[in-house]
Amino acid sequence: MDLSSASRIVLIGGGQAAAQAIQSLRMGGFEGSITLVGDEPALPYQRPPLSKAYMKGEFAEERLYFKPAAWYEDNKVDLILSTRATSLDRAARKVHLEHGAVLDYDALILCTGSRPRPLPVKGADLQGVHDLRTLADVERIRPQMVAGRRLVIIGAGYIGLEAAAVARTMGLEVTVLEMADRVLARVTSPVMSEFYEKEHRAQGATILTGTRFDHFEGKDGHVSAAVLADGTKLPADLVLVGIGILPNIELAKEAGLTIDNGIATDRDARTSDPRIFAAGDCASRPLVHYGRSGRLESVHNAIEQAKLAAAAILGKPRPAEDCPWFWSDQFDLKLQIAGLNQGYDELVVRGDPDARKFAVFYLRNGTLIAVDAVNSPPEFLASKKLIMSGAKLAPGVLKDTSTPMKDIAAAAATA
């Protein structure tokens, strides 16, 4: 469908994808009305610093915002904040908001994001038990991050380990509980899991893997302990729960849009309704470098899908699709990830993990599909290009640290 004559665009959600889509639309020459509906009171803001520098107090709130309020005014963007969209009328092209307001649209972009997966146990509603997803969450948590207090973290994914690293640097006693037999089990290899477990323990955190958590105990309405399935009680002054997220698909599902582990989209971020697009954590998209579809939870994905949606609405050529990439900051370790490692059949370590500067390459049938690079930007940057080109690489070549990574990439490009 040609939407180049659209004059009214509505975006639902106030995160990375929405902010990028608005910027791309205006930079692309769109002169019609743009309205953003967000259920939080804050201007659109970035979330990664919440579990890192912002929690530590090293990052001012104003720096979280993608653009100041004046930018939205200057670019004639109507912001409807602290307001929830309740339903979509696709036939009439209307968005219904709580309190009865209705918005008309020619094109709609769903950037509804995700929410923390709930922990269905006794005591989860006690004071001091927190999720870590929004600015408001951090405002509740940060005053309790006091040296000497006992923090229990449920879940050893990236959010849990990032929060653990921040808490240890602030002097809290930290215990991380993980049901799987290793940290980061869902997203990385045993080599990386072992490295991060060792690092967190060296920094004074207690890491308990293969551990079944049962419930929380409280005193006077506030959490006092995390109780394991075997009855062990871990004293807790506060708790962070990080057991994954759920895409916010309810609005799309109720409107009859196709759902496939997220709001299903094509390469242009278009949903099963040609006037409606979806971007970010809420959307499932074709993963063109891997021959399948999937949902990606990353800043890069939100930005890229937003650009794709804006280009499609404006009738412009489809922007280039990069290979997926992510990052995680823990202590003084910068982990940069390129690609998706699911289905690898060979693993190659380049460098020495004990030196805290190394990379783990993931191959499938000799083709590079992903890399985890710790304090190793050249390996990360070169691997992005190699993954997109479908390069086949000999393990011995990747292991050889005497050959710079850029030279390995250059040789692969001419092979």
Protein backbone atom coordinates (compact mmCIF):
# COMPACT_ATOMS: atom_id res chain seq x y z
CA MET A 1 0.00 0.00 0.00
CA ASP A 2 1.25 3.48 -0.93
CA LEU A 3 1.16 5.68 2.18
CA SER A 4 3.15 8.57 0.76
CA SER A 5 0.03 10.76 0.88
CA ALA A 6 -0.57 10.03 4.58
CA SER A 7 -1.10 13.20 6.61
CA ARG A 8 -1.78 11.81 10.11
CA ILE A 9 0.63 9.45 11.84
CA VAL A 10 0.10 8.12 15.35
CA LEU A 11 2.73 6.28 17.39
CA ILE A 12 1.88 4.26 20.49
CA GLY A 13 4.75 3.92 22.95
CA GLY A 14 7.50 6.23 24.15
CA GLY A 15 10.74 4.29 23.84
CA GLN A 16 13.66 4.02 21.44
CA ALA A 17 11.61 2.88 18.45
CA ALA A 18 9.07 5.69 18.73
CA ALA A 19 11.72 8.37 19.17
CA GLN A 20 13.66 7.12 16.15
CA ALA A 21 10.57 6.82 13.96
CA ILE A 22 9.56 10.41 14.69
CA GLN A 23 13.05 11.67 13.90
CA SER A 24 13.24 9.64 10.69
CA LEU A 25 9.82 10.84 9.55
CA ARG A 26 10.65 14.50 10.05
CA MET A 27 14.15 14.17 8.56
CA GLY A 28 12.59 12.32 5.64
CA GLY A 29 10.35 15.27 4.84
CA PHE A 30 7.05 14.27 6.42
CA GLU A 31 5.09 17.47 7.09
CA GLY A 32 1.81 16.06 8.36
CA SER A 33 0.68 15.63 11.96
CA ILE A 34 2.57 13.30 14.30
CA THR A 35 1.09 12.26 17.63
CA LEU A 36 2.83 10.10 20.20
CA VAL A 37 0.84 8.34 22.93
CA GLY A 38 2.86 7.12 25.91
CA ASP A 39 1.65 5.58 29.15
CA GLU A 40 4.58 6.96 31.17
CA PRO A 41 4.81 10.62 32.27
CA ALA A 42 8.36 11.09 30.97
CA LEU A 43 9.47 12.17 27.52
CA PRO A 44 10.74 9.28 25.37
CA TYR A 45 13.93 8.03 27.02
CA GLN A 46 16.64 5.39 26.68
CA ARG A 47 16.48 2.36 28.95
CA PRO A 48 19.97 0.75 28.89
CA PRO A 49 21.50 3.26 31.36
CA LEU A 50 18.80 2.46 33.91
CA SER A 51 20.57 -0.70 35.08
CA LYS A 52 24.02 0.87 34.74
CA ALA A 53 25.18 4.50 35.06
CA TYR A 54 21.80 5.99 35.95
CA MET A 55 21.29 3.63 38.86
CA LYS A 56 24.73 4.58 40.15
CA GLY A 57 23.85 8.27 39.98
CA GLU A 58 26.48 8.94 37.31
CA PHE A 59 23.95 9.84 34.60
CA ALA A 60 21.57 12.80 34.94
CA GLU A 61 17.91 12.21 34.12
CA GLU A 62 18.00 14.82 31.37
CA ARG A 63 20.60 12.74 29.54
CA LEU A 64 18.17 9.84 29.36
CA TYR A 65 15.82 11.75 27.07
CA PHE A 66 16.35 11.28 23.35
CA LYS A 67 15.25 14.87 22.69
CA PRO A 68 14.25 17.75 24.98
CA ALA A 69 10.64 18.94 25.13
CA ALA A 70 11.51 21.91 22.92
CA TRP A 71 12.53 19.59 20.06
CA TYR A 72 9.06 18.03 19.96
CA GLU A 73 7.49 21.49 19.99
CA ASP A 74 9.77 22.77 17.24
CA ASN A 75 9.03 19.70 15.12
CA LYS A 76 5.28 19.91 15.73
CA VAL A 77 4.98 16.56 17.50
CA ASP A 78 1.97 16.24 19.80
CA LEU A 79 2.87 14.32 22.97
CA ILE A 80 0.07 12.64 24.90
CA LEU A 81 1.82 11.24 27.97
CA SER A 82 0.59 9.38 31.06
CA THR A 83 -2.15 8.02 28.81
CA ARG A 84 -2.89 4.47 27.70
CA ALA A 85 -4.25 3.45 24.29
CA THR A 86 -7.12 1.06 24.97
CA SER A 87 -8.17 -0.19 21.54
CA LEU A 88 -7.73 0.13 17.78
CA ASP A 89 -10.54 0.45 15.25
CA ARG A 90 -8.78 -0.63 12.09
CA ALA A 91 -11.78 -0.17 9.80
CA ALA A 92 -12.31 3.43 10.89
CA ARG A 93 -8.56 4.03 11.42
CA LYS A 94 -8.98 5.27 14.97
CA VAL A 95 -7.04 4.84 18.21
CA HIS A 96 -9.15 4.93 21.36
CA LEU A 97 -7.49 6.29 24.47
CA GLU A 98 -8.45 5.97 28.11
CA HIS A 99 -10.77 8.73 29.30
CA GLY A 100 -12.56 8.61 25.95
CA ALA A 101 -10.31 10.52 23.55
CA VAL A 102 -10.01 9.25 19.96
CA LEU A 103 -7.19 9.81 17.44
CA ASP A 104 -7.54 9.40 13.68
CA TYR A 105 -4.63 8.01 11.68
CA ASP A 106 -3.54 7.33 8.13
CA ALA A 107 -0.57 5.29 9.37
CA LEU A 108 0.02 3.84 12.82
CA ILE A 109 3.29 2.66 14.38
CA LEU A 110 3.06 0.34 17.40
CA CYS A 111 6.10 0.77 19.65
CA THR A 112 4.48 -0.74 22.71
CA GLY A 113 7.67 -2.38 23.96
CA SER A 114 7.69 -5.03 26.65
CA ARG A 115 7.16 -5.56 30.35
CA PRO A 116 8.92 -7.66 32.98
CA ARG A 117 7.82 -11.24 33.23
CA PRO A 118 6.01 -11.53 36.57
CA LEU A 119 7.28 -13.78 39.34
CA PRO A 120 4.21 -15.76 40.51
CA VAL A 121 5.28 -16.54 44.07
CA LYS A 122 4.15 -15.75 47.57
CA GLY A 123 5.48 -12.40 48.73
CA ALA A 124 6.14 -10.94 45.29
CA ASP A 125 3.96 -7.96 46.25
CA LEU A 126 5.97 -7.07 49.35
CA GLN A 127 7.62 -3.66 49.55
CA GLY A 128 11.24 -3.87 48.53
CA VAL A 129 10.61 -6.38 45.71
CA HIS A 130 11.26 -4.57 42.44
CA ASP A 131 11.29 -4.98 38.69
CA LEU A 132 13.84 -2.96 36.72
CA ARG A 133 12.32 -1.69 33.50
CA THR A 134 11.23 1.94 33.78
CA LEU A 135 12.49 5.26 35.05
CA ALA A 136 9.93 5.03 37.84
CA ASP A 137 11.34 1.62 38.85
CA VAL A 138 14.81 3.08 39.28
CA GLU A 139 13.47 6.05 41.24
CA ARG A 140 11.99 3.56 43.71
CA ILE A 141 15.10 1.38 43.84
CA ARG A 142 17.91 3.92 43.98
CA PRO A 143 17.25 5.32 47.48
CA GLN A 144 17.53 1.77 48.80
CA MET A 145 20.90 1.13 47.15
CA VAL A 146 22.91 1.81 50.29
CA ALA A 147 26.30 0.29 51.12
CA GLY A 148 26.00 -2.68 53.45
CA ARG A 149 22.41 -3.55 52.54
CA ARG A 150 21.62 -7.03 51.31
CA LEU A 151 20.37 -7.30 47.74
CA VAL A 152 18.98 -10.52 46.27
CA ILE A 153 18.62 -10.70 42.49
CA ILE A 154 16.33 -13.30 40.93
CA GLY A 155 17.65 -14.19 37.48
CA ALA A 156 21.18 -14.12 36.06
CA GLY A 157 20.50 -12.63 32.65
CA TYR A 158 22.05 -9.39 31.44
CA ILE A 159 19.78 -7.12 33.51
CA GLY A 160 20.40 -9.13 36.67
CA LEU A 161 24.17 -9.22 36.23
CA GLU A 162 24.38 -5.54 35.26
CA ALA A 163 22.44 -4.61 38.39
CA ALA A 164 24.65 -6.93 40.45
CA ALA A 165 27.77 -5.18 39.14
CA VAL A 166 26.38 -1.74 39.97
CA ALA A 167 25.30 -2.87 43.44
CA ARG A 168 28.73 -4.32 44.25
CA THR A 169 30.49 -1.12 43.20
CA MET A 170 28.10 0.74 45.53
CA GLY A 171 29.00 -1.54 48.41
CA LEU A 172 25.89 -3.69 48.73
CA GLU A 173 26.02 -7.37 49.62
CA VAL A 174 24.76 -9.15 46.50
CA THR A 175 23.35 -12.64 45.98
CA VAL A 176 22.21 -13.72 42.51
CA LEU A 177 19.84 -16.69 42.18
CA GLU A 178 19.60 -18.57 38.89
CA MET A 179 17.51 -21.66 38.22
CA ALA A 180 19.63 -22.75 35.23
CA ASP A 181 22.98 -24.43 35.80
CA ARG A 182 24.91 -21.34 34.67
CA VAL A 183 24.48 -17.58 34.31
CA LEU A 184 23.41 -16.17 30.93
CA ALA A 185 22.38 -19.69 29.95
CA ARG A 186 19.72 -18.51 27.51
CA VAL A 187 21.93 -16.15 25.56
CA THR A 188 25.53 -17.33 25.50
CA SER A 189 27.94 -20.26 25.65
CA PRO A 190 29.37 -22.04 28.70
CA VAL A 191 32.71 -20.31 28.08
CA MET A 192 31.15 -16.88 28.54
CA SER A 193 29.02 -18.04 31.45
CA GLU A 194 32.06 -19.35 33.28
CA PHE A 195 33.93 -16.10 32.67
CA TYR A 196 31.14 -13.91 34.05
CA GLU A 197 30.47 -16.16 37.03
CA LYS A 198 34.16 -16.02 37.92
CA GLU A 199 34.24 -12.26 37.48
CA HIS A 200 31.22 -11.58 39.68
CA ARG A 201 32.51 -13.87 42.39
CA ALA A 202 35.89 -12.14 42.27
CA GLN A 203 34.06 -8.85 42.79
CA GLY A 204 32.41 -10.21 45.94
CA ALA A 205 28.99 -11.30 44.69
CA THR A 206 27.46 -14.64 45.62
CA ILE A 207 26.26 -16.51 42.55
CA LEU A 208 23.94 -19.49 43.15
CA THR A 209 23.15 -21.43 39.97
CA GLY A 210 20.95 -24.52 39.69
CA THR A 211 18.93 -22.99 42.51
CA ARG A 212 15.17 -23.24 42.90
CA PHE A 213 13.62 -20.17 44.48
CA ASP A 214 10.31 -20.64 46.30
CA HIS A 215 8.96 -17.46 47.93
CA PHE A 216 9.67 -14.26 49.82
CA GLU A 217 9.18 -13.63 53.51
CA GLY A 218 8.37 -10.22 54.88
CA LYS A 219 8.21 -8.21 58.06
CA ASP A 220 5.74 -5.35 58.50
CA GLY A 221 4.94 -5.50 54.80
CA HIS A 222 8.57 -5.28 53.64
CA VAL A 223 10.63 -8.10 52.21
CA SER A 224 13.04 -9.66 54.72
CA ALA A 225 14.21 -12.89 53.06
CA ALA A 226 14.23 -14.96 49.88
CA VAL A 227 13.41 -18.57 50.64
CA LEU A 228 14.75 -21.39 48.47
CA ALA A 229 12.92 -24.62 47.71
CA ASP A 230 15.11 -26.50 50.21
CA GLY A 231 14.12 -24.08 52.97
CA THR A 232 17.30 -22.00 52.96
CA LYS A 233 16.56 -18.38 53.88
CA LEU A 234 18.64 -15.60 52.36
CA PRO A 235 18.23 -12.31 54.26
CA ALA A 236 17.22 -9.49 51.94
CA ASP A 237 16.75 -5.77 52.41
CA LEU A 238 15.68 -5.43 48.80
CA VAL A 239 15.12 -7.68 45.79
CA LEU A 240 15.39 -7.20 42.04
CA VAL A 241 13.51 -9.60 39.78
CA GLY A 242 14.92 -10.09 36.29
CA ILE A 243 13.50 -13.25 34.76
CA GLY A 244 12.85 -11.96 31.27
CA ILE A 245 10.28 -9.83 29.51
CA LEU A 246 6.98 -10.23 27.69
CA PRO A 247 6.16 -8.28 24.52
CA ASN A 248 3.22 -5.91 24.83
CA ILE A 249 1.05 -7.40 22.09
CA GLU A 250 -2.40 -7.11 23.67
CA LEU A 251 -3.51 -4.02 21.75
CA ALA A 252 -2.46 -5.57 18.43
CA LYS A 253 -3.93 -8.97 19.26
CA GLU A 254 -7.30 -7.55 20.23
CA ALA A 255 -7.32 -5.62 16.95
CA GLY A 256 -6.84 -8.87 15.01
CA LEU A 257 -3.26 -8.35 13.85
CA THR A 258 -1.14 -11.45 13.26
CA ILE A 259 0.91 -12.46 16.31
CA ASP A 260 4.01 -14.69 16.15
CA ASN A 261 6.04 -14.37 19.36
CA GLY A 262 5.39 -10.67 18.99
CA ILE A 263 3.50 -8.56 16.49
CA ALA A 264 4.37 -10.17 13.16
CA THR A 265 5.97 -7.78 10.66
CA ASP A 266 7.59 -7.97 7.24
CA ARG A 267 10.97 -6.51 6.24
CA ASP A 268 9.45 -3.02 6.19
CA ALA A 269 8.14 -3.39 9.77
CA ARG A 270 4.61 -3.59 8.33
CA THR A 271 2.06 -5.74 10.15
CA SER A 272 -0.76 -7.78 8.63
CA ASP A 273 -2.64 -4.48 8.31
CA PRO A 274 -0.86 -2.43 5.60
CA ARG A 275 -1.48 0.83 7.46
CA ILE A 276 -0.03 -0.41 10.75
CA PHE A 277 3.64 -0.93 11.55
CA ALA A 278 5.38 -2.31 14.65
CA ALA A 279 8.92 -1.79 15.90
CA GLY A 280 11.08 -2.73 18.86
CA ASP A 281 10.62 -5.31 21.60
CA CYS A 282 6.96 -5.86 20.72
CA ALA A 283 7.63 -6.93 17.11
CA SER A 284 8.71 -10.15 15.44
CA ARG A 285 10.58 -9.57 12.19
CA PRO A 286 12.38 -11.43 9.40
CA LEU A 287 16.00 -12.02 10.41
CA VAL A 288 17.40 -11.71 6.92
CA HIS A 289 20.90 -12.92 7.80
CA TYR A 290 19.54 -16.11 9.35
CA GLY A 291 16.63 -17.13 7.13
CA ARG A 292 14.00 -17.06 9.87
CA SER A 293 11.87 -14.68 11.90
CA GLY A 294 12.32 -13.68 15.50
CA ARG A 295 11.94 -11.00 18.11
CA LEU A 296 15.01 -9.02 19.16
CA GLU A 297 15.31 -7.10 22.42
CA SER A 298 17.91 -4.45 21.65
CA VAL A 299 18.48 -0.77 20.98
CA HIS A 300 19.83 -1.55 17.52
CA ASN A 301 16.72 -3.49 16.57
CA ALA A 302 14.38 -0.72 17.75
CA ILE A 303 16.30 1.90 15.78
CA GLU A 304 16.51 -0.21 12.64
CA GLN A 305 12.85 -1.20 12.59
CA ALA A 306 11.80 2.40 13.23
CA LYS A 307 13.84 3.52 10.23
CA LEU A 308 12.30 0.76 8.11
CA ALA A 309 8.78 1.79 9.10
CA ALA A 310 9.43 5.46 8.41
CA ALA A 311 10.94 4.72 5.01
CA ALA A 312 7.97 2.55 4.03
CA ILE A 313 5.48 5.24 5.05
CA LEU A 314 7.41 7.90 3.14
CA GLY A 315 7.74 5.69 0.06
CA LYS A 316 11.53 5.76 0.26
CA PRO A 317 13.94 2.86 -0.45
CA ARG A 318 14.32 0.30 2.31
CA PRO A 319 17.34 1.12 4.53
CA ALA A 320 20.13 -1.43 4.86
CA GLU A 321 19.52 -4.18 7.42
CA ASP A 322 22.49 -4.71 9.71
CA CYS A 323 23.24 -7.93 11.54
CA PRO A 324 21.80 -7.90 15.08
CA TRP A 325 24.05 -6.47 17.77
CA PHE A 326 23.86 -5.90 21.49
CA TRP A 327 26.04 -4.85 24.42
CA SER A 328 26.34 -5.23 28.19
CA ASP A 329 28.45 -3.26 30.70
CA GLN A 330 29.48 -5.05 33.89
CA PHE A 331 32.22 -3.62 36.11
CA ASP A 332 34.95 -2.52 33.67
CA LEU A 333 33.97 -5.17 31.14
CA LYS A 334 32.41 -4.10 27.84
CA LEU A 335 30.69 -7.06 26.22
CA GLN A 336 29.76 -6.47 22.57
CA ILE A 337 27.74 -9.09 20.74
CA ALA A 338 27.22 -9.37 17.01
CA GLY A 339 24.88 -11.86 15.43
CA LEU A 340 22.78 -14.67 16.91
CA ASN A 341 24.53 -17.79 18.17
CA GLN A 342 21.58 -20.21 18.19
CA GLY A 343 22.47 -23.37 16.31
CA TYR A 344 26.24 -23.03 16.39
CA ASP A 345 28.22 -26.26 15.99
CA GLU A 346 31.72 -24.92 16.65
CA LEU A 347 33.12 -22.44 19.12
CA VAL A 348 36.47 -20.65 18.82
CA VAL A 349 38.12 -18.60 21.57
CA ARG A 350 40.47 -15.82 20.48
CA GLY A 351 42.63 -14.37 23.24
CA ASP A 352 42.85 -15.19 26.93
CA PRO A 353 39.76 -14.87 29.18
CA ASP A 354 42.08 -14.51 32.19
CA ALA A 355 43.41 -11.31 30.60
CA ARG A 356 39.82 -10.01 30.49
CA LYS A 357 40.20 -9.24 26.79
CA PHE A 358 39.03 -11.95 24.41
CA ALA A 359 36.38 -13.00 21.93
CA VAL A 360 34.28 -16.12 21.41
CA PHE A 361 33.28 -16.89 17.82
CA TYR A 362 30.31 -19.08 16.92
CA LEU A 363 30.38 -21.04 13.65
CA ARG A 364 27.78 -23.16 11.89
CA ASN A 365 29.06 -25.36 9.08
CA GLY A 366 32.18 -23.21 9.02
CA THR A 367 30.23 -19.95 8.62
CA LEU A 368 30.55 -17.23 11.26
CA ILE A 369 27.12 -16.52 12.78
CA ALA A 370 27.96 -14.63 16.00
CA VAL A 371 30.67 -13.28 18.28
CA ASP A 372 30.87 -12.32 21.95
CA ALA A 373 33.71 -9.81 22.37
CA VAL A 374 34.89 -8.78 25.84
CA ASN A 375 36.91 -5.55 25.82
CA SER A 376 37.71 -6.36 22.18
CA PRO A 377 36.17 -3.78 19.81
CA PRO A 378 38.17 -4.88 16.72
CA GLU A 379 36.76 -8.41 16.94
CA PHE A 380 33.23 -7.05 17.32
CA LEU A 381 33.45 -4.58 14.44
CA ALA A 382 35.09 -7.01 12.03
CA SER A 383 32.66 -9.78 12.91
CA LYS A 384 29.63 -7.65 12.06
CA LYS A 385 30.86 -7.40 8.47
CA LEU A 386 31.89 -11.04 8.30
CA ILE A 387 28.50 -12.22 9.55
CA MET A 388 26.62 -10.11 7.01
CA SER A 389 28.78 -11.44 4.19
CA GLY A 390 28.28 -15.07 5.25
CA ALA A 391 32.04 -15.57 5.55
CA LYS A 392 33.50 -19.02 6.11
CA LEU A 393 36.51 -18.92 8.43
CA ALA A 394 38.99 -21.54 9.58
CA PRO A 395 39.14 -21.87 13.40
CA GLY A 396 42.92 -21.66 13.30
CA VAL A 397 42.76 -18.30 11.56
CA LEU A 398 40.39 -16.89 14.17
CA LYS A 399 42.53 -18.15 17.05
CA ASP A 400 45.71 -16.58 15.73
CA THR A 401 46.01 -13.31 17.66
CA SER A 402 49.20 -12.39 15.79
CA THR A 403 47.00 -11.52 12.80
CA PRO A 404 44.91 -8.39 13.39
CA MET A 405 41.18 -8.93 13.09
CA LYS A 406 40.88 -6.30 10.37
CA ASP A 407 43.34 -8.29 8.25
CA ILE A 408 41.32 -11.47 8.75
CA ALA A 409 38.19 -9.61 7.62
CA ALA A 410 39.97 -8.13 4.61
CA ALA A 411 41.24 -11.54 3.53
CA ALA A 412 37.75 -13.05 3.89
CA ALA A 413 36.30 -10.26 1.76
CA THR A 414 38.57 -11.10 -1.14
CA ALA A 415 38.30 -14.87 -0.82
